[in-house]
Each structure stands twice: as C-alpha cells, then as structure tokens.
Protein backbone atom coordinates (compact mmCIF):
# COMPACT_ATOMS: atom_id res chain seq x y z
CA MET A 1 0.10 0.15 0.12
CA ALA A 2 1.41 3.36 -0.99
CA SER A 3 1.80 6.08 1.42
CA ALA A 4 -1.28 8.32 2.07
CA VAL A 5 -2.83 11.15 4.24
CA ILE A 6 -5.34 10.16 6.87
CA LYS A 7 -7.34 11.98 9.40
CA GLY A 8 -6.58 11.18 12.75
CA THR A 9 -7.02 12.75 16.43
CA ARG A 10 -4.45 13.99 18.60
CA LYS A 11 -5.66 14.31 22.47
CA ILE A 12 -4.06 17.30 23.65
CA ARG A 13 -3.94 18.24 27.36
CA VAL A 14 -5.16 21.49 28.28
CA PHE A 15 -5.87 23.69 31.40
CA PRO A 16 -9.38 25.60 31.80
CA LYS A 17 -9.51 29.11 32.54
CA ASN A 18 -12.96 29.06 33.42
CA GLU A 19 -14.13 25.35 34.56
CA PRO A 20 -17.64 26.32 35.75
CA TYR A 21 -18.48 27.58 32.11
CA LEU A 22 -17.17 24.26 30.56
CA LEU A 23 -18.78 22.10 33.19
CA GLU A 24 -22.25 23.86 32.32
CA LEU A 25 -21.82 22.96 28.64
CA ILE A 26 -21.39 19.30 29.75
CA ARG A 27 -24.27 19.78 31.99
CA GLN A 28 -26.38 20.90 28.97
CA GLN A 29 -25.34 18.41 26.45
CA ARG A 30 -25.88 15.24 28.68
CA PRO A 31 -29.82 15.44 28.89
CA ALA A 32 -30.14 16.41 25.32
CA TYR A 33 -28.14 13.31 24.43
CA ASN A 34 -30.00 11.33 26.83
CA LEU A 35 -33.52 12.48 25.72
CA ALA A 36 -32.72 11.39 22.15
CA VAL A 37 -31.56 7.96 23.31
CA ALA A 38 -34.85 7.64 25.34
CA CYS A 39 -36.61 8.45 22.03
CA PHE A 40 -34.68 5.77 19.90
CA ARG A 41 -35.28 3.33 22.82
CA GLU A 42 -39.09 4.00 22.85
CA SER A 43 -39.24 3.89 19.01
CA ASN A 44 -37.66 0.50 19.15
CA ALA A 45 -40.16 -0.81 21.64
CA ARG A 46 -43.15 0.82 19.62
CA PRO A 47 -42.30 0.19 15.92
CA GLU A 48 -45.18 2.52 14.77
CA LEU A 49 -43.28 5.70 16.12
CA ARG A 50 -40.16 5.16 13.63
CA LYS A 51 -42.02 7.06 10.96
CA SER A 52 -43.74 9.67 12.83
CA GLU A 53 -42.93 13.29 12.45
CA GLU A 54 -41.62 13.73 15.71
CA MET A 55 -38.86 11.08 15.12
CA LYS A 56 -37.56 13.05 12.19
CA LYS A 57 -34.14 14.64 12.75
CA THR A 58 -35.02 18.20 12.52
CA VAL A 59 -38.20 18.00 14.46
CA LEU A 60 -36.87 16.04 17.34
CA ARG A 61 -33.62 18.43 17.64
CA GLY A 62 -36.10 21.32 17.76
CA ILE A 63 -38.41 19.61 20.56
CA ILE A 64 -35.17 18.55 22.67
CA ARG A 65 -33.63 22.04 22.19
CA GLU A 66 -36.78 23.66 23.79
CA PHE A 67 -37.01 21.09 26.57
CA VAL A 68 -33.37 21.71 27.59
CA ARG A 69 -33.50 25.50 27.14
CA ASP A 70 -36.46 25.70 29.63
CA GLU A 71 -34.50 23.56 32.23
CA VAL A 72 -31.39 25.58 31.91
CA ILE A 73 -33.22 29.13 32.00
CA ASP A 74 -35.14 27.80 35.29
CA ARG A 75 -31.75 27.45 36.89
CA GLY A 76 -30.52 30.66 35.79
CA GLY A 77 -27.99 29.55 33.30
CA GLU A 78 -26.89 30.44 29.83
CA PHE A 79 -28.33 28.27 27.31
CA ALA A 80 -25.84 27.26 24.54
CA SER A 81 -28.16 26.12 21.62
CA ALA A 82 -25.60 25.01 19.05
CA GLY A 83 -24.10 22.38 21.63
CA CYS A 84 -27.69 21.23 22.31
CA ASP A 85 -28.08 20.58 18.67
CA GLU A 86 -24.82 18.77 18.07
CA ALA A 87 -25.48 16.27 21.26
CA VAL A 88 -28.91 15.37 19.35
CA LEU A 89 -26.84 15.05 16.04
CA ASN A 90 -24.29 12.79 17.70
CA ALA A 91 -27.16 10.74 19.26
CA PHE A 92 -28.56 9.90 15.77
CA ARG A 93 -24.84 9.17 14.64
CA THR A 94 -24.89 6.53 17.60
CA ARG A 95 -28.00 5.30 16.30
CA TYR A 96 -26.72 4.78 12.73
CA ALA A 97 -23.75 3.03 14.21
CA VAL A 98 -25.88 0.70 16.37
CA ILE A 99 -27.99 -0.18 13.19
CA GLU A 100 -25.06 -1.01 11.33
CA ARG A 101 -23.56 -3.32 13.82
CA ARG A 102 -27.05 -5.08 14.51
CA LYS A 103 -27.20 -5.73 10.60
CA LYS A 104 -23.79 -7.60 10.67
CA GLY A 105 -25.24 -9.75 13.82
CA GLU A 106 -23.39 -8.14 16.39
CA ALA A 107 -24.77 -7.14 19.81
CA ALA A 108 -25.26 -3.13 19.97
CA ASP A 109 -27.34 -0.87 22.00
CA PHE A 110 -28.16 2.43 23.31
CA ALA A 111 -26.39 3.84 26.62
CA PHE A 112 -27.34 6.86 28.72
CA ARG A 113 -24.99 9.17 29.87
CA SER A 114 -24.51 9.47 33.58
CA ILE A 115 -23.20 12.37 35.83
CA LYS A 116 -21.17 9.67 37.47
CA ASP A 117 -19.30 8.69 34.30
CA VAL A 118 -15.69 9.00 34.66
CA ARG A 119 -15.05 10.53 31.31
CA GLN A 120 -17.50 13.38 30.39
CA GLY A 121 -17.33 15.92 27.52
CA PHE A 122 -19.01 18.30 25.09
CA LEU A 123 -18.93 19.03 21.40
CA ILE A 124 -17.84 22.16 19.63
CA GLN A 125 -19.57 22.63 16.02
CA LYS A 126 -16.58 24.56 14.65
CA LEU A 127 -13.51 25.02 16.91
CA SER A 128 -11.94 28.33 16.72
CA PRO A 129 -8.67 29.91 17.98
CA SER A 130 -10.53 32.50 20.05
CA PHE A 131 -12.54 29.91 21.91
CA VAL A 132 -9.56 28.11 22.75
CA LEU A 133 -7.38 31.19 23.82
CA LYS A 134 -10.49 32.44 25.82
CA ASN A 135 -11.05 29.21 27.61
CA PHE A 136 -7.98 27.08 27.94
CA ASP A 137 -4.10 27.00 28.44
CA VAL A 138 -2.86 24.42 26.11
CA SER A 139 0.40 22.18 26.65
CA GLU A 140 0.93 22.09 22.92
CA LYS A 141 -0.06 24.02 19.78
CA LEU A 142 -2.93 22.49 17.96
CA PRO A 143 -2.72 21.35 14.40
CA LYS A 144 -4.02 24.10 11.83
CA GLU A 145 -6.33 21.44 10.22
CA ALA A 146 -8.22 21.24 13.85
CA PHE A 147 -9.86 24.49 13.50
CA LYS A 148 -13.37 25.04 11.88
CA LYS A 149 -14.06 21.24 12.41
CA LEU A 150 -16.34 19.52 14.77
CA THR A 151 -14.34 18.77 18.11
CA ARG A 152 -14.96 16.87 21.37
CA ILE A 153 -13.74 18.33 24.38
CA VAL A 154 -13.18 15.83 27.43
CA HIS A 155 -12.92 15.84 31.08
CA GLU A 156 -11.59 12.78 32.65
CA ARG A 157 -10.56 12.32 36.19
CA GLY A 158 -10.07 16.14 36.78
CA ARG A 159 -8.10 16.62 33.33
CA TRP A 160 -8.96 18.37 30.27
CA PHE A 161 -8.28 17.12 26.79
CA ILE A 162 -9.24 18.67 23.30
CA CYS A 163 -9.45 15.85 20.76
CA ALA A 164 -7.98 17.77 17.83
CA GLN A 165 -8.15 16.56 14.17
CA LYS A 166 -4.44 15.96 12.80
CA HIS A 167 -3.72 15.03 9.12
CA ILE A 168 -1.18 12.11 9.59
CA THR A 169 0.92 10.81 6.69
CA THR A 170 1.47 7.02 6.71
CA ALA A 171 4.42 5.21 5.18
CA GLN A 172 4.65 3.00 2.35
CA ASN A 173 4.60 -0.85 3.14
CA ALA A 174 7.87 -2.58 3.21
CA GLU A 175 8.77 -4.81 0.31
CA THR A 176 8.21 -8.57 0.89
CA GLN A 177 11.71 -9.45 0.36
CA GLY A 178 14.35 -9.23 3.22
CA LEU A 179 11.65 -8.60 6.20
CA ARG A 180 12.66 -8.62 9.72
CA VAL A 181 10.28 -10.31 11.72
CA VAL A 182 9.82 -10.71 15.43
CA ALA A 183 7.47 -12.69 17.57
CA ILE A 184 5.93 -11.22 20.94
CA ASP A 185 4.69 -13.11 23.87
CA PRO A 186 2.77 -11.14 26.27
CA GLY A 187 2.81 -11.73 29.81
CA VAL A 188 2.24 -10.49 33.41
CA ARG A 189 5.60 -10.74 35.18
CA SER A 190 7.13 -9.37 32.13
CA PHE A 191 4.95 -7.14 29.85
CA ALA A 192 6.24 -8.72 26.83
CA THR A 193 9.17 -10.80 25.33
CA SER A 194 10.35 -10.59 21.65
CA TYR A 195 12.25 -13.35 19.71
CA THR A 196 14.14 -12.72 16.62
CA ASP A 197 16.65 -15.05 14.61
CA ASP A 198 19.56 -13.40 16.76
CA HIS A 199 18.10 -12.18 20.04
CA CYS A 200 15.46 -11.92 22.74
CA THR A 201 14.42 -8.71 24.39
CA THR A 202 12.45 -8.61 27.45
CA TYR A 203 10.16 -5.44 28.01
CA GLY A 204 8.76 -4.01 31.32
CA ASP A 205 10.41 -7.04 33.49
CA GLY A 206 8.88 -6.27 36.84
CA PHE A 207 7.37 -3.16 35.54
CA TYR A 208 3.62 -3.76 37.04
CA ALA A 209 4.91 -5.18 40.71
CA SER A 210 7.16 -2.22 41.05
CA LYS A 211 5.48 0.59 39.39
CA VAL A 212 1.87 0.03 39.16
CA PHE A 213 0.95 -2.39 42.09
CA PRO A 214 1.91 -0.12 44.96
CA LEU A 215 -0.15 2.71 43.45
CA LEU A 216 -3.29 0.28 43.32
CA LEU A 217 -2.59 -0.39 47.03
CA GLU A 218 -2.89 3.34 47.72
CA ILE A 219 -5.96 3.52 45.55
CA ASP A 220 -7.59 0.75 47.59
CA LYS A 221 -6.73 2.67 50.77
CA LEU A 222 -8.03 5.78 49.52
CA ILE A 223 -11.31 3.94 48.44
CA GLY A 224 -11.89 2.80 52.07
CA LEU A 225 -11.32 6.21 53.42
CA ARG A 226 -13.80 7.66 51.17
CA ALA A 227 -16.44 4.88 51.87
CA ARG A 228 -15.86 5.64 55.64
CA ALA A 229 -15.66 9.64 55.28
CA ARG A 230 -19.43 11.16 56.58
CA ASN A 231 -18.41 14.55 55.40
CA ASP A 232 -19.22 15.24 51.54
CA GLN A 233 -15.96 17.71 51.55
CA TRP A 234 -13.93 14.75 52.58
CA LYS A 235 -15.33 12.54 50.08
CA LYS A 236 -14.62 14.87 47.34
CA HIS A 237 -11.00 15.48 48.78
CA TYR A 238 -10.53 11.32 48.57
CA GLN A 239 -12.05 11.22 45.38
CA LYS A 240 -9.36 13.70 44.00
CA ARG A 241 -6.58 11.77 45.35
CA ILE A 242 -7.84 8.50 43.91
CA ASP A 243 -8.25 10.40 40.58
CA ARG A 244 -4.37 11.56 40.71
CA LYS A 245 -3.31 8.08 41.33
CA VAL A 246 -5.34 6.48 38.77
CA ASN A 247 -4.02 8.88 36.10
CA ARG A 248 -0.65 8.21 37.37
CA ALA A 249 -1.08 4.51 36.82
CA LYS A 250 -2.66 4.66 33.70
CA ASP A 251 -0.08 7.57 32.54
CA LEU A 252 2.49 4.69 33.44
CA ILE A 253 0.96 1.88 31.34
CA ASN A 254 0.34 4.01 28.28
CA ASP A 255 4.04 5.12 28.59
CA LEU A 256 5.02 1.46 28.54
CA HIS A 257 2.58 0.75 25.57
CA LYS A 258 4.21 3.64 23.29
CA ARG A 259 7.61 2.76 24.18
CA VAL A 260 7.44 -0.81 23.11
CA ALA A 261 5.18 -0.18 20.08
CA PHE A 262 7.61 2.34 18.85
CA ASP A 263 10.54 0.04 19.23
CA LEU A 264 9.01 -2.74 17.61
CA VAL A 265 8.08 -0.60 14.31
CA SER A 266 11.56 0.91 14.63
CA GLN A 267 13.50 -2.33 14.31
CA PHE A 268 11.03 -5.03 12.28
CA ASP A 269 9.01 -5.12 9.40
CA VAL A 270 6.70 -7.90 10.40
CA VAL A 271 5.34 -8.20 13.88
CA LEU A 272 3.67 -11.67 15.25
CA LEU A 273 1.40 -10.87 18.13
CA PRO A 274 -0.73 -13.67 19.74
CA SER A 275 -4.51 -12.96 20.55
CA PHE A 276 -4.14 -12.47 24.35
CA GLU A 277 -7.67 -13.49 25.52
CA THR A 278 -7.49 -11.65 28.70
CA LYS A 279 -11.54 -11.59 28.99
CA GLU A 280 -11.69 -15.27 28.91
CA MET A 281 -8.63 -16.00 31.11
CA ALA A 282 -9.99 -13.64 33.70
CA SER A 283 -13.67 -15.41 33.69
CA LYS A 284 -14.35 -16.66 37.12
CA VAL A 285 -15.66 -20.00 35.29
CA GLU A 286 -12.87 -22.39 35.34
CA ARG A 287 -10.29 -19.81 36.18
CA LYS A 288 -6.88 -21.32 36.86
CA ILE A 289 -5.11 -18.16 37.82
CA ARG A 290 -5.20 -16.25 41.12
CA THR A 291 -7.00 -12.97 41.54
CA LYS A 292 -3.68 -11.20 42.10
CA THR A 293 -2.67 -12.43 38.48
CA VAL A 294 -5.86 -11.59 37.03
CA ARG A 295 -5.69 -7.90 38.18
CA SER A 296 -2.09 -7.64 36.86
CA MET A 297 -2.84 -8.88 33.59
CA LEU A 298 -5.94 -6.69 33.27
CA GLY A 299 -4.02 -3.92 34.71
CA LEU A 300 -1.46 -3.95 31.94
CA ALA A 301 -4.20 -3.47 29.06
CA HIS A 302 -2.95 -5.81 26.50
CA TYR A 303 -5.57 -5.30 24.24
CA ARG A 304 -5.18 -1.76 24.34
CA PHE A 305 -1.45 -2.29 23.42
CA GLU A 306 -2.52 -4.31 20.56
CA LEU A 307 -4.89 -1.52 19.15
CA HIS A 308 -2.30 1.05 19.70
CA LEU A 309 0.33 -1.61 17.89
CA LYS A 310 -2.12 -1.85 15.05
CA TRP A 311 -2.17 1.91 14.49
CA MET A 312 1.78 2.02 14.75
CA CYS A 313 2.00 -0.42 12.09
CA LYS A 314 -0.22 1.52 9.79
CA LYS A 315 1.29 4.72 10.29
CA TYR A 316 5.23 3.39 9.56
CA GLY A 317 4.11 0.82 6.91
CA LYS A 318 4.58 -2.49 8.88
CA ARG A 319 2.73 -5.59 9.04
CA LEU A 320 1.04 -6.99 12.35
CA VAL A 321 0.04 -10.67 12.08
CA ILE A 322 -2.47 -11.90 14.86
CA CYS A 323 -1.62 -15.46 15.63
CA ASN A 324 -2.38 -18.38 17.91
CA GLU A 325 -0.16 -19.09 21.13
CA SER A 326 -1.77 -22.01 22.14
CA TYR A 327 0.80 -24.12 24.14
CA THR A 328 3.80 -22.21 23.23
CA SER A 329 4.54 -21.59 26.86
CA LYS A 330 4.09 -25.48 27.73
CA THR A 331 5.95 -26.73 24.77
CA ARG A 332 9.84 -26.97 24.84
CA SER A 333 10.57 -25.16 21.52
CA TRP A 334 13.81 -27.23 20.88
CA ASP A 335 12.27 -30.91 20.91
CA GLY A 336 8.40 -30.37 20.93
CA VAL A 337 7.76 -31.99 24.23
CA ILE A 338 4.81 -30.62 26.22
CA HIS A 339 5.03 -30.08 30.00
CA SER A 340 1.70 -30.28 31.33
CA SER A 341 2.51 -29.51 34.63
CA LEU A 342 4.44 -26.22 34.22
CA GLY A 343 2.67 -24.09 36.48
CA GLY A 344 4.18 -20.88 37.38
CA ALA A 345 7.90 -21.83 36.80
CA LYS A 346 9.88 -19.21 35.54
CA MET A 347 12.26 -21.65 33.49
CA ILE A 348 11.49 -24.71 31.30
CA SER A 349 14.02 -27.62 31.26
CA ASP A 350 14.64 -30.88 30.01
CA GLY A 351 17.31 -31.63 32.46
CA ASN A 352 20.20 -30.72 30.07
CA ILE A 353 18.75 -27.53 28.75
CA ARG A 354 17.20 -24.44 30.85
CA VAL A 355 15.42 -21.71 29.06
CA ASP A 356 13.61 -18.74 30.17
CA ARG A 357 9.95 -19.52 30.07
CA ASP A 358 9.02 -16.31 28.30
CA HIS A 359 11.91 -16.72 25.78
CA ASN A 360 10.62 -20.26 25.06
CA GLY A 361 7.00 -18.81 24.65
CA ALA A 362 8.34 -16.14 22.25
CA ARG A 363 10.32 -18.62 20.29
CA GLY A 364 7.33 -21.19 20.25
CA ILE A 365 5.28 -18.39 18.87
CA MET A 366 7.41 -17.75 15.93
CA LEU A 367 7.83 -21.61 15.16
CA ARG A 368 4.10 -22.04 15.27
CA ALA A 369 3.30 -18.93 12.93
CA LEU A 370 5.91 -19.95 10.58
CA TYR A 371 5.13 -23.83 10.33
CA GLY A 372 1.54 -23.99 11.61
CA ASN A 373 0.56 -27.65 11.76
CA LEU A 374 3.33 -29.35 9.86
CA GLY A 375 4.39 -30.88 13.42
CA HIS A 376 7.04 -30.34 16.07
CA GLU A 377 9.89 -32.33 14.37
CA GLN A 378 9.73 -30.49 11.06
CA ALA A 379 9.60 -27.12 12.71
CA VAL A 380 12.47 -27.78 15.11
CA GLY A 381 14.47 -29.62 12.15
CA ALA A 382 14.06 -26.47 9.92
CA THR A 383 15.53 -24.29 12.26
C-alpha cells in the first residue's frame, strides 16, 4: 500500500481558565443526548413511532432544544443552543452505528450518559482559536487542520483534553523480500518478550509489580477512606486523590505501550502478536489463575496495547499478524515435548537445557506462526 494522508485525532492536554462554564456545557449536552436516546429506545419498543413526524431529525432536535432551554433558564444558566443541537446529532450518529452493527449480527445498544461517568465531554461545532484562547491554556500547539472542525472536549478524572483533528501521513508498506520478523509473547511478570533470529528482548520486566501495583494498593486504601467519610467535602477530597493516583497508573501503562510499540516498528517489518484473550482468562468460570494475577493481567491492558500497535504499524508501513499462542509456553521449543504441569515456573528444562519460560514462549510463537500444523519435528528440524 502506498503512503497516504489520513485524518487522525490527537488528544491534547489543556488547562481550563473558566471551569464552571465548561462544566455547564457538559451539563447541557448530557440531557440532550439522553433525551434523544430515550426517544430511540421508545421507537424500538413501539415500531409505529419510527415513521412519525416527531422522530425526524430536525423536528426531534427542535423539541429537545426547547426542553433543555427551559431547564437551563429555570436554574438561571446561559443556554448554548448549538451545543445542544450537536448532542442530538451525535445521538443520531450513534443510532446509525448501532443499526449497522446489528445488521452484521453484532450485539449493540444505546446507553445513557450518567453524571457519575468518569469520562465526560461536550462537542464544539467549529473549533476556533478565539474559543481556545478564551477558555484554555494549551500544553502544545494545536494543528491548523483542527480549527473549523467538529471537536470534542473531554473532562476525565480532573483533567481536560481537546481531541483535535490532525492529518497524518502513513508510510509505504515494506517490500516482501528481506523482511525482519519478530514474535511477541505477552505476559504478566514481564509485559512482553520478543524473539528474533538473533536475540531475545524483555520489555517491562517487573514493571507492574514495582511501578503500578504499589499505586493500586494506595488507591484501595483511599477508596476505603472515602467509603468511611461522613462529610461530603472529605469524600470529594479523597476522590481527587484517587483520581490523581489512577491517572498516574494509567499514564505509566500508556507510556510503556508507546515505548514498546515504537521500538518494535523501528526495528522490524513484521510483528507476530498472539491474541491474548484476557477476558476469557479472567472469567471466574473454570479459572486457573489467582486473583492477583488476574488484576495484574487486566491492569497491563494488553488489548489496548494491541490496538496501539495496529495503529503504529499502519502509520509506519509495517505488518501486524495476529496469531495463536496455544501451548507455546508449555512446549519445549527445541524438541516439541509438552510440559503439562509447568505451572508458574520461570524456567523450562529437559534436564540438560534450561531456558527462560518467556523466551521459550516467544520462540514457540515464531515457530507456530511459520510452520503451523506441520509438526514439532519438522519445525525444529528446519531451524
């Protein structure tokens, strides 16, 4: 595929100058969106309403606008009609997306926006430099293409972001000859282990236990203090401290994801990544791993890393292959014998050869991807 310019989104940290005004915009757009969703749900329950005059986009938008305006005026606020209209249009876009997913046989439904949601936001019809300068101090310069575009402003755990549109040039895919291939074995003790034809690399060895888990213990303690607090001011105080700790933990994980993904696309042309089914492994039905391991596995956000790696491969013209990792940790990659009782051992051995479990798993993923079901003997013999 040749290089191309695509529309992307850059999440830029900003600092509000008038936070009550921005929170009021969120407060107005949330009920507008929820009212539209309520109408869609009612039309699903009563099919005769789907073709009624009130369900037309322009008519429903006007009805909801009047309802929200009266509510805002009653509490003495200043009504922003453009933002209310955008919230209704956003609900219609959600409706179209739900319909398309249902046509494909996928499960999809509407959801109301709650005042308790960690992530809140509002839409601006056409982002302008004057609006940004008036309401925010920005951490970096916004792209020129972000202005005069529909833009979402996000408030998440005490922090504000502008989701600015940005044009990104993707690289041309590498030639099929002479490609460098790497296999990745995702894990818990080590975030990921890579195997190539000449070396192994471990990413994030002990990262979760030393960096993230202590933060989670502090968060657990603060949640307990918040639950026992009798005064609302103290509850808000503890919630702010919880938000700061959660943001810190999430930032550490995101930083690890970005560093690992960039290192992989900088050195290799093809990345073999197994489908790490964390949801199935974390399910309590027939689960074989402990609660602490489950928490660590979910905390490392392997699926989010997979999504980021897909984007990085698209951006830099690399190939990502999602493969199967069944029995790659239990199988000795040098002779094909399966250790059925390996458990949580860090090393795998046949009595003469001792290999790190993660290195062995990464090599097994490489062999399985290259040779498929040809058999252990053929795969080992070919290497």
